[in-house]
N, C-alpha and C. Protein backbone atom coordinates (compact mmCIF):
# COMPACT_ATOMS: atom_id res chain seq x y z
N UNK A 1 2.72 48.42 74.43
CA UNK A 1 2.29 49.68 73.88
C UNK A 1 2.27 50.72 75.02
N UNK A 2 2.37 51.97 74.70
CA UNK A 2 2.37 52.99 75.74
C UNK A 2 1.14 52.97 76.64
N UNK A 3 -0.01 52.50 76.10
CA UNK A 3 -1.23 52.45 76.90
C UNK A 3 -1.34 51.19 77.74
N UNK A 4 -0.31 50.33 77.70
CA UNK A 4 -0.30 49.11 78.50
C UNK A 4 -0.78 47.88 77.75
N UNK A 5 -1.35 48.06 76.56
CA UNK A 5 -1.80 46.91 75.79
C UNK A 5 -0.60 46.22 75.15
N UNK A 6 -0.80 44.97 74.74
CA UNK A 6 0.27 44.20 74.13
C UNK A 6 -0.04 43.90 72.68
N UNK A 7 0.99 43.76 71.89
CA UNK A 7 0.86 43.44 70.48
C UNK A 7 2.01 42.52 70.11
N UNK A 8 1.76 41.60 69.18
CA UNK A 8 2.86 40.73 68.76
C UNK A 8 3.77 41.51 67.81
N UNK A 9 5.02 41.13 67.81
CA UNK A 9 6.01 41.80 66.97
C UNK A 9 7.04 40.78 66.55
N UNK A 10 7.38 40.77 65.29
CA UNK A 10 8.35 39.82 64.77
C UNK A 10 9.52 40.56 64.15
N UNK A 11 10.69 39.96 64.28
CA UNK A 11 11.89 40.51 63.66
C UNK A 11 12.77 39.33 63.28
N UNK A 12 13.85 39.62 62.60
CA UNK A 12 14.74 38.56 62.15
C UNK A 12 16.06 38.62 62.90
N UNK A 13 16.64 37.45 63.09
CA UNK A 13 17.98 37.36 63.66
C UNK A 13 18.83 36.59 62.67
N UNK A 14 19.94 37.19 62.28
CA UNK A 14 20.82 36.54 61.31
C UNK A 14 21.60 35.40 61.96
N UNK A 15 22.27 34.62 61.15
CA UNK A 15 23.07 33.50 61.65
C UNK A 15 24.17 33.98 62.59
N UNK A 16 24.59 35.24 62.45
CA UNK A 16 25.63 35.78 63.33
C UNK A 16 25.07 36.44 64.58
N UNK A 17 23.73 36.40 64.72
CA UNK A 17 23.10 36.96 65.91
C UNK A 17 22.68 38.42 65.79
N UNK A 18 22.87 39.02 64.64
CA UNK A 18 22.45 40.41 64.43
C UNK A 18 20.93 40.48 64.29
N UNK A 19 20.31 41.43 64.99
CA UNK A 19 18.86 41.63 64.92
C UNK A 19 18.55 42.58 63.77
N UNK A 20 17.62 42.18 62.91
CA UNK A 20 17.16 43.02 61.81
C UNK A 20 15.67 43.26 62.04
N UNK A 21 15.32 44.49 62.39
CA UNK A 21 13.94 44.84 62.72
C UNK A 21 13.50 45.99 61.82
N UNK A 22 12.78 45.64 60.77
CA UNK A 22 12.37 46.65 59.79
C UNK A 22 11.04 47.31 60.13
N UNK A 23 10.37 46.85 61.18
CA UNK A 23 9.03 47.37 61.48
C UNK A 23 8.92 48.07 62.83
N UNK A 24 10.01 48.18 63.55
CA UNK A 24 9.97 48.77 64.88
C UNK A 24 9.40 50.19 64.87
N UNK A 25 9.66 50.93 63.79
CA UNK A 25 9.21 52.33 63.70
C UNK A 25 7.69 52.47 63.63
N UNK A 26 6.97 51.38 63.35
CA UNK A 26 5.52 51.48 63.22
C UNK A 26 4.82 51.63 64.57
N UNK A 27 5.54 51.36 65.65
CA UNK A 27 4.95 51.43 66.98
C UNK A 27 5.06 52.84 67.54
N UNK A 28 4.07 53.24 68.35
CA UNK A 28 4.09 54.59 68.91
C UNK A 28 5.32 54.83 69.80
N UNK A 29 5.72 56.09 69.88
CA UNK A 29 6.83 56.46 70.77
C UNK A 29 6.49 56.02 72.19
N UNK A 30 7.45 55.48 72.89
CA UNK A 30 7.23 55.02 74.25
C UNK A 30 6.93 53.53 74.35
N UNK A 31 6.78 52.87 73.21
CA UNK A 31 6.53 51.43 73.20
C UNK A 31 7.81 50.71 73.57
N UNK A 32 7.71 49.80 74.51
CA UNK A 32 8.84 48.97 74.89
C UNK A 32 8.70 47.63 74.19
N UNK A 33 9.66 47.31 73.35
CA UNK A 33 9.63 46.04 72.63
C UNK A 33 10.56 45.09 73.36
N UNK A 34 10.00 44.03 73.95
CA UNK A 34 10.83 43.11 74.73
C UNK A 34 11.75 42.28 73.84
N UNK A 35 12.76 41.72 74.48
CA UNK A 35 13.67 40.83 73.78
C UNK A 35 12.88 39.64 73.26
N UNK A 36 13.26 39.14 72.11
CA UNK A 36 12.55 38.01 71.51
C UNK A 36 12.60 36.75 72.36
N UNK A 37 11.54 35.98 72.26
CA UNK A 37 11.44 34.71 72.97
C UNK A 37 11.30 33.62 71.91
N UNK A 38 12.13 32.61 72.01
CA UNK A 38 12.08 31.50 71.07
C UNK A 38 10.80 30.70 71.31
N UNK A 39 9.90 30.70 70.34
CA UNK A 39 8.64 29.95 70.45
C UNK A 39 8.60 28.93 69.34
N UNK A 40 8.70 27.65 69.72
CA UNK A 40 8.72 26.62 68.69
C UNK A 40 7.57 25.63 68.83
N UNK A 41 7.07 25.46 70.05
CA UNK A 41 6.06 24.43 70.31
C UNK A 41 6.58 23.11 69.75
N UNK A 42 5.77 22.42 68.94
CA UNK A 42 6.20 21.12 68.40
C UNK A 42 6.96 21.27 67.08
N UNK A 43 7.22 22.50 66.65
CA UNK A 43 7.88 22.75 65.37
C UNK A 43 9.40 22.79 65.54
N UNK A 44 10.10 22.64 64.43
CA UNK A 44 11.57 22.64 64.46
C UNK A 44 12.16 24.02 64.67
N UNK A 45 11.39 25.06 64.35
CA UNK A 45 11.91 26.42 64.49
C UNK A 45 10.77 27.39 64.81
N UNK A 46 11.15 28.54 65.34
CA UNK A 46 10.16 29.59 65.59
C UNK A 46 9.50 30.00 64.28
N UNK A 47 10.28 30.05 63.21
CA UNK A 47 9.74 30.42 61.90
C UNK A 47 8.62 29.48 61.49
N UNK A 48 8.85 28.18 61.61
CA UNK A 48 7.81 27.20 61.25
C UNK A 48 6.58 27.37 62.12
N UNK A 49 6.79 27.62 63.41
CA UNK A 49 5.67 27.82 64.33
C UNK A 49 4.85 29.05 63.93
N UNK A 50 5.52 30.17 63.71
CA UNK A 50 4.83 31.41 63.36
C UNK A 50 4.07 31.25 62.05
N UNK A 51 4.68 30.59 61.07
CA UNK A 51 4.04 30.43 59.77
C UNK A 51 2.97 29.34 59.77
N UNK A 52 2.78 28.65 60.89
CA UNK A 52 1.71 27.66 60.98
C UNK A 52 0.34 28.31 61.11
N UNK A 53 0.32 29.61 61.41
CA UNK A 53 -0.93 30.36 61.51
C UNK A 53 -1.28 30.90 60.13
N UNK A 54 -2.46 30.57 59.63
CA UNK A 54 -2.84 30.90 58.25
C UNK A 54 -2.73 32.40 57.94
N UNK A 55 -3.24 33.24 58.82
CA UNK A 55 -3.20 34.69 58.56
C UNK A 55 -1.76 35.19 58.49
N UNK A 56 -0.93 34.68 59.38
CA UNK A 56 0.48 35.09 59.38
C UNK A 56 1.16 34.61 58.11
N UNK A 57 0.91 33.37 57.71
CA UNK A 57 1.51 32.84 56.48
C UNK A 57 1.06 33.67 55.27
N UNK A 58 -0.22 34.04 55.23
CA UNK A 58 -0.72 34.85 54.11
C UNK A 58 -0.01 36.20 54.04
N UNK A 59 0.16 36.85 55.20
CA UNK A 59 0.87 38.13 55.24
C UNK A 59 2.32 37.96 54.82
N UNK A 60 2.92 36.87 55.26
CA UNK A 60 4.31 36.57 54.90
C UNK A 60 4.45 36.39 53.38
N UNK A 61 3.55 35.62 52.79
CA UNK A 61 3.62 35.37 51.35
C UNK A 61 3.42 36.66 50.56
N UNK A 62 2.51 37.52 51.02
CA UNK A 62 2.28 38.80 50.35
C UNK A 62 3.54 39.68 50.43
N UNK A 63 4.13 39.76 51.60
CA UNK A 63 5.35 40.54 51.77
C UNK A 63 6.48 39.97 50.92
N UNK A 64 6.59 38.66 50.90
CA UNK A 64 7.63 38.00 50.11
C UNK A 64 7.48 38.34 48.62
N UNK A 65 6.24 38.33 48.13
CA UNK A 65 5.98 38.69 46.72
C UNK A 65 6.38 40.14 46.45
N UNK A 66 6.01 41.03 47.36
CA UNK A 66 6.32 42.45 47.17
C UNK A 66 7.83 42.68 47.17
N UNK A 67 8.51 42.05 48.09
CA UNK A 67 9.97 42.22 48.18
C UNK A 67 10.65 41.61 46.96
N UNK A 68 10.20 40.46 46.54
CA UNK A 68 10.79 39.81 45.36
C UNK A 68 10.62 40.69 44.12
N UNK A 69 9.45 41.31 43.98
CA UNK A 69 9.19 42.20 42.85
C UNK A 69 10.06 43.44 42.90
N UNK A 70 10.19 44.02 44.10
CA UNK A 70 11.01 45.22 44.26
C UNK A 70 12.48 44.94 44.02
N UNK A 71 12.91 43.73 44.39
CA UNK A 71 14.32 43.38 44.27
C UNK A 71 14.65 42.82 42.89
N UNK A 72 13.61 42.62 42.06
CA UNK A 72 13.83 42.06 40.74
C UNK A 72 14.21 40.60 40.76
N UNK A 73 13.76 39.91 41.80
CA UNK A 73 14.09 38.48 41.96
C UNK A 73 13.11 37.63 41.17
């Protein structure tokens, strides 16, 4: 963050390596977003690791519901 504090940030990378970041605009001007770091711990993927946190999984499920409704899925 511009004030020196840190915040977690998630984005998607497609199978072809393209970065899809739909939330970058939410950060204040001057924020430097570092390149992603693969974090898996004992999980098979970063996705599984990130979703192992209850609050993150809840936010993910809420977003998934909203997107599914908007997309008519």
